[in-house]
Amino acid sequence: MSQPTPTDRFDEISGIDSKALLKPKPIALVVTQSETEGPNLMTAAWWMVAGYNPFRYLLGVSQKTYTYDLIEENPEFVLSVPSTELIDAMILSGMVSGRELDKIDHLDLETIPGAEIDVPILADAVGNIECRVLDSFEFENTTYYFGGVEKAWVTEGGMDGRLLSLEEDVLAYMGSDWADEDDDTKHRFYADLSPENLESFPGDDVLEGLPEELQEKHR
């Protein structure tokens, strides 16, 4: 009997389309601060938790962007978690450079001074994470910044135990069709996360199938 091959069970997709497999994920509005021009926004999906003690995030920023210039000037940034109310800010901040438009002023967004860094937070975000750059490295035309968390904020009543409450109407990024051959088609896709779809795992059925010592360890 011949061994199965990947094509027996799967459709092959391109490398760039493989990113769809890791969606949805919350997307961030990155807030940075110019010493002379004021704050700026950039939409970012290239971020991840990158360690503990100190708790830190890794943020990838193209060196072509205004955000890169501002972090190099002032090595601090805010990761703001947007609700659906900030969808216009998400779209505009991924399309227009801060070199061309003051996006915060154009969108009439309310900001609040950061508590620990010289970068403001977004008043209408679900949450804001104040970060100071600890280190960075370059790969091709992108710089990756390790941002240590100085302060983190969530909207009042926004936590459900240790989880972010889905009642906060968080935006989840589903991906884009920017890689399509049709250059006239450039859309990003978002979804709101529903509390009805939140489940807790592992369930009892999974635990009951484990050896007794592992059941006790993972209850």
Protein backbone atom coordinates (compact mmCIF):
# COMPACT_ATOMS: atom_id res chain seq x y z
CA MET A 1 0.00 0.00 0.00
CA SER A 2 1.48 3.33 -1.04
CA GLN A 3 2.06 6.09 1.47
CA PRO A 4 -0.31 9.07 1.26
CA THR A 5 1.09 12.34 -0.02
CA PRO A 6 0.16 15.87 1.06
CA THR A 7 -1.85 16.36 -2.14
CA ASP A 8 -4.12 13.47 -1.12
CA ARG A 9 -5.47 15.56 1.74
CA PHE A 10 -4.57 19.16 1.09
CA ASP A 11 -4.63 21.86 -1.56
CA GLU A 12 -1.27 23.52 -2.13
CA ILE A 13 -1.20 27.28 -1.58
CA SER A 14 1.50 29.89 -2.05
CA GLY A 15 3.86 30.96 0.68
CA ILE A 16 2.21 34.37 0.94
CA ASP A 17 -1.24 32.76 1.20
CA SER A 18 -0.04 30.58 4.09
CA LYS A 19 -0.46 33.59 6.39
CA ALA A 20 -4.24 33.14 6.09
CA LEU A 21 -3.87 29.93 8.11
CA LEU A 22 -2.76 31.95 11.14
CA LYS A 23 -5.73 34.30 11.07
CA PRO A 24 -7.83 35.73 12.56
CA LYS A 25 -5.71 37.73 14.97
CA PRO A 26 -6.15 41.09 16.64
CA ILE A 27 -4.38 43.81 14.75
CA ALA A 28 -2.72 46.80 16.40
CA LEU A 29 -2.63 50.50 15.80
CA VAL A 30 0.96 51.52 16.52
CA VAL A 31 1.22 55.00 17.98
CA THR A 32 4.56 56.80 17.77
CA GLN A 33 5.62 60.34 18.61
CA SER A 34 7.63 62.93 16.73
CA GLU A 35 9.34 65.53 18.88
CA THR A 36 8.30 68.25 16.42
CA GLU A 37 5.30 66.94 14.43
CA GLY A 38 3.25 65.14 17.08
CA PRO A 39 1.88 61.58 17.17
CA ASN A 40 1.40 59.19 14.26
CA LEU A 41 -0.56 55.98 13.60
CA MET A 42 0.32 52.84 11.66
CA THR A 43 -1.68 49.64 11.23
CA ALA A 44 0.42 46.61 12.18
CA ALA A 45 -0.03 42.84 12.06
CA TRP A 46 3.69 42.02 12.46
CA TRP A 47 3.82 41.78 16.23
CA MET A 48 4.02 38.98 18.79
CA VAL A 49 4.74 38.28 22.44
CA ALA A 50 8.51 37.87 22.65
CA GLY A 51 9.35 37.00 26.24
CA TYR A 52 8.93 37.56 29.95
CA ASN A 53 10.89 39.32 32.71
CA PRO A 54 10.56 41.92 31.36
CA PHE A 55 7.37 41.19 29.46
CA ARG A 56 8.00 42.29 25.90
CA TYR A 57 6.62 42.35 22.38
CA LEU A 58 8.37 42.10 19.04
CA LEU A 59 7.19 44.60 16.42
CA GLY A 60 8.30 44.46 12.79
CA VAL A 61 8.42 47.82 10.98
CA SER A 62 9.38 48.44 7.37
CA GLN A 63 12.23 50.90 7.06
CA LYS A 64 10.24 52.70 4.36
CA THR A 65 7.63 53.88 6.84
CA TYR A 66 7.26 57.08 8.82
CA THR A 67 6.75 54.92 11.91
CA TYR A 68 10.27 53.56 11.48
CA ASP A 69 11.67 57.11 11.37
CA LEU A 70 9.80 58.07 14.53
CA ILE A 71 10.84 55.00 16.54
CA GLU A 72 14.45 55.65 15.54
CA GLU A 73 14.01 59.25 16.72
CA ASN A 74 12.11 58.36 19.91
CA PRO A 75 12.47 54.64 20.81
CA GLU A 76 9.02 54.22 22.31
CA PHE A 77 5.66 53.12 20.92
CA VAL A 78 2.13 52.17 21.94
CA LEU A 79 0.30 49.06 20.74
CA SER A 80 -3.37 50.06 20.71
CA VAL A 81 -6.02 47.35 20.37
CA PRO A 82 -8.90 48.79 18.31
CA SER A 83 -12.61 48.12 18.57
CA THR A 84 -14.90 48.17 15.55
CA GLU A 85 -15.44 51.89 16.25
CA LEU A 86 -11.87 52.47 15.06
CA ILE A 87 -12.27 50.68 11.72
CA ASP A 88 -11.75 53.94 9.79
CA ALA A 89 -8.51 54.53 11.68
CA MET A 90 -7.38 50.99 10.89
CA ILE A 91 -8.04 51.41 7.18
CA LEU A 92 -6.56 54.90 6.83
CA SER A 93 -3.48 54.06 8.90
CA GLY A 94 -2.69 51.16 6.59
CA MET A 95 -3.07 53.24 3.44
CA VAL A 96 -1.72 56.75 4.03
CA SER A 97 1.71 57.71 5.37
CA GLY A 98 2.08 60.10 8.26
CA ARG A 99 4.48 62.02 6.05
CA GLU A 100 1.46 63.01 3.96
CA LEU A 101 -1.31 63.41 6.55
CA ASP A 102 -1.76 63.96 10.27
CA LYS A 103 -4.04 60.94 10.70
CA ILE A 104 -4.95 61.58 14.32
CA ASP A 105 -6.04 65.14 13.52
CA HIS A 106 -7.81 64.09 10.30
CA LEU A 107 -9.80 61.39 12.12
CA ASP A 108 -10.40 63.63 15.16
CA LEU A 109 -9.14 60.89 17.49
CA GLU A 110 -8.89 61.61 21.20
CA THR A 111 -5.53 60.84 22.80
CA ILE A 112 -4.34 60.70 26.40
CA PRO A 113 -0.71 61.28 27.43
CA GLY A 114 1.13 58.05 28.19
CA ALA A 115 1.85 57.37 31.85
CA GLU A 116 5.43 56.09 31.43
CA ILE A 117 6.48 57.06 27.91
CA ASP A 118 6.31 60.19 25.76
CA VAL A 119 3.77 58.68 23.37
CA PRO A 120 0.00 59.14 23.78
CA ILE A 121 -2.53 56.33 24.02
CA LEU A 122 -5.83 56.18 22.10
CA ALA A 123 -8.82 57.01 24.28
CA ASP A 124 -11.28 54.94 22.23
CA ALA A 125 -9.17 51.79 21.96
CA VAL A 126 -10.07 48.59 23.80
CA GLY A 127 -6.62 48.71 25.33
CA ASN A 128 -3.18 50.32 25.08
CA ILE A 129 0.27 48.90 25.79
CA GLU A 130 3.06 51.40 26.44
CA CYS A 131 6.40 50.02 25.22
CA ARG A 132 10.00 51.20 25.36
CA VAL A 133 12.51 49.71 22.93
CA LEU A 134 14.92 47.31 24.62
CA ASP A 135 16.75 46.10 21.53
CA SER A 136 16.32 45.69 17.79
CA PHE A 137 17.68 43.84 14.79
CA GLU A 138 17.41 44.23 11.02
CA PHE A 139 16.51 41.73 8.34
CA GLU A 140 16.39 42.92 4.74
CA ASN A 141 14.33 46.16 4.76
CA THR A 142 12.58 45.57 8.10
CA THR A 143 13.63 46.44 11.64
CA TYR A 144 12.29 44.30 14.49
CA TYR A 145 11.95 46.06 17.82
CA PHE A 146 11.74 44.38 21.21
CA GLY A 147 9.43 46.63 23.20
CA GLY A 148 9.40 46.18 26.96
CA VAL A 149 6.00 46.83 28.51
CA GLU A 150 6.07 49.89 30.77
CA LYS A 151 2.30 50.13 31.35
CA ALA A 152 -0.76 48.34 29.97
CA TRP A 153 -4.33 49.61 30.02
CA VAL A 154 -7.73 48.10 29.22
CA THR A 155 -11.06 49.89 28.97
CA GLU A 156 -13.03 49.86 32.23
CA GLY A 157 -14.57 46.43 32.81
CA GLY A 158 -12.77 45.09 29.75
CA MET A 159 -11.28 41.99 31.37
CA ASP A 160 -13.12 38.71 31.97
CA GLY A 161 -10.82 37.19 34.57
CA ARG A 162 -7.46 36.90 32.80
CA LEU A 163 -9.08 37.16 29.34
CA LEU A 164 -10.10 40.16 27.30
CA SER A 165 -13.89 40.28 27.28
CA LEU A 166 -15.30 39.73 23.80
CA GLU A 167 -18.08 42.12 24.79
CA GLU A 168 -15.54 44.80 23.92
CA ASP A 169 -16.15 44.22 20.19
CA VAL A 170 -12.51 43.58 19.29
CA LEU A 171 -11.51 43.71 15.63
CA ALA A 172 -9.86 40.59 14.24
CA TYR A 173 -7.77 40.80 11.08
CA MET A 174 -8.60 38.16 8.48
CA GLY A 175 -6.05 39.15 5.82
CA SER A 176 -5.95 40.98 2.50
CA ASP A 177 -6.03 40.32 -1.22
CA TRP A 178 -3.13 42.65 -1.98
CA ALA A 179 -1.13 39.77 -3.43
CA ASP A 180 -3.72 39.12 -6.16
CA GLU A 181 -2.64 39.68 -9.76
CA ASP A 182 -5.38 42.28 -10.18
CA ASP A 183 -3.61 45.44 -9.07
CA ASP A 184 -6.92 47.29 -8.88
CA THR A 185 -8.11 45.03 -6.06
CA LYS A 186 -6.76 46.05 -2.67
CA HIS A 187 -8.96 45.11 0.26
CA ARG A 188 -8.34 44.24 3.89
CA PHE A 189 -10.82 42.04 5.70
CA TYR A 190 -11.85 42.28 9.35
CA ALA A 191 -14.28 40.41 11.59
CA ASP A 192 -15.61 41.12 15.05
CA LEU A 193 -15.14 38.40 17.66
CA SER A 194 -18.36 37.12 19.22
CA PRO A 195 -18.63 36.06 22.89
CA GLU A 196 -21.01 33.28 21.84
CA ASN A 197 -18.09 31.52 20.14
CA LEU A 198 -15.77 31.55 23.16
CA GLU A 199 -15.15 28.09 24.61
CA SER A 200 -12.84 26.79 27.32
CA PHE A 201 -10.41 23.95 26.53
CA PRO A 202 -9.26 21.30 27.36
CA GLY A 203 -12.66 19.77 28.05
CA ASP A 204 -13.45 16.92 30.40
CA ASP A 205 -13.48 14.36 27.59
CA VAL A 206 -9.87 15.21 26.71
CA LEU A 207 -8.69 15.01 30.31
CA GLU A 208 -10.47 11.74 31.04
CA GLY A 209 -8.53 10.05 28.25
CA LEU A 210 -5.18 10.84 29.91
CA PRO A 211 -3.30 8.77 32.51
CA GLU A 212 -4.44 9.64 36.04
CA GLU A 213 -1.26 11.53 36.98
CA LEU A 214 -1.63 13.76 33.91
CA GLN A 215 -5.31 14.35 34.67
CA GLU A 216 -4.40 15.73 38.09
CA LYS A 217 -1.60 17.87 36.67
CA HIS A 218 -3.79 19.58 34.08
CA ARG A 219 -7.05 20.07 35.99
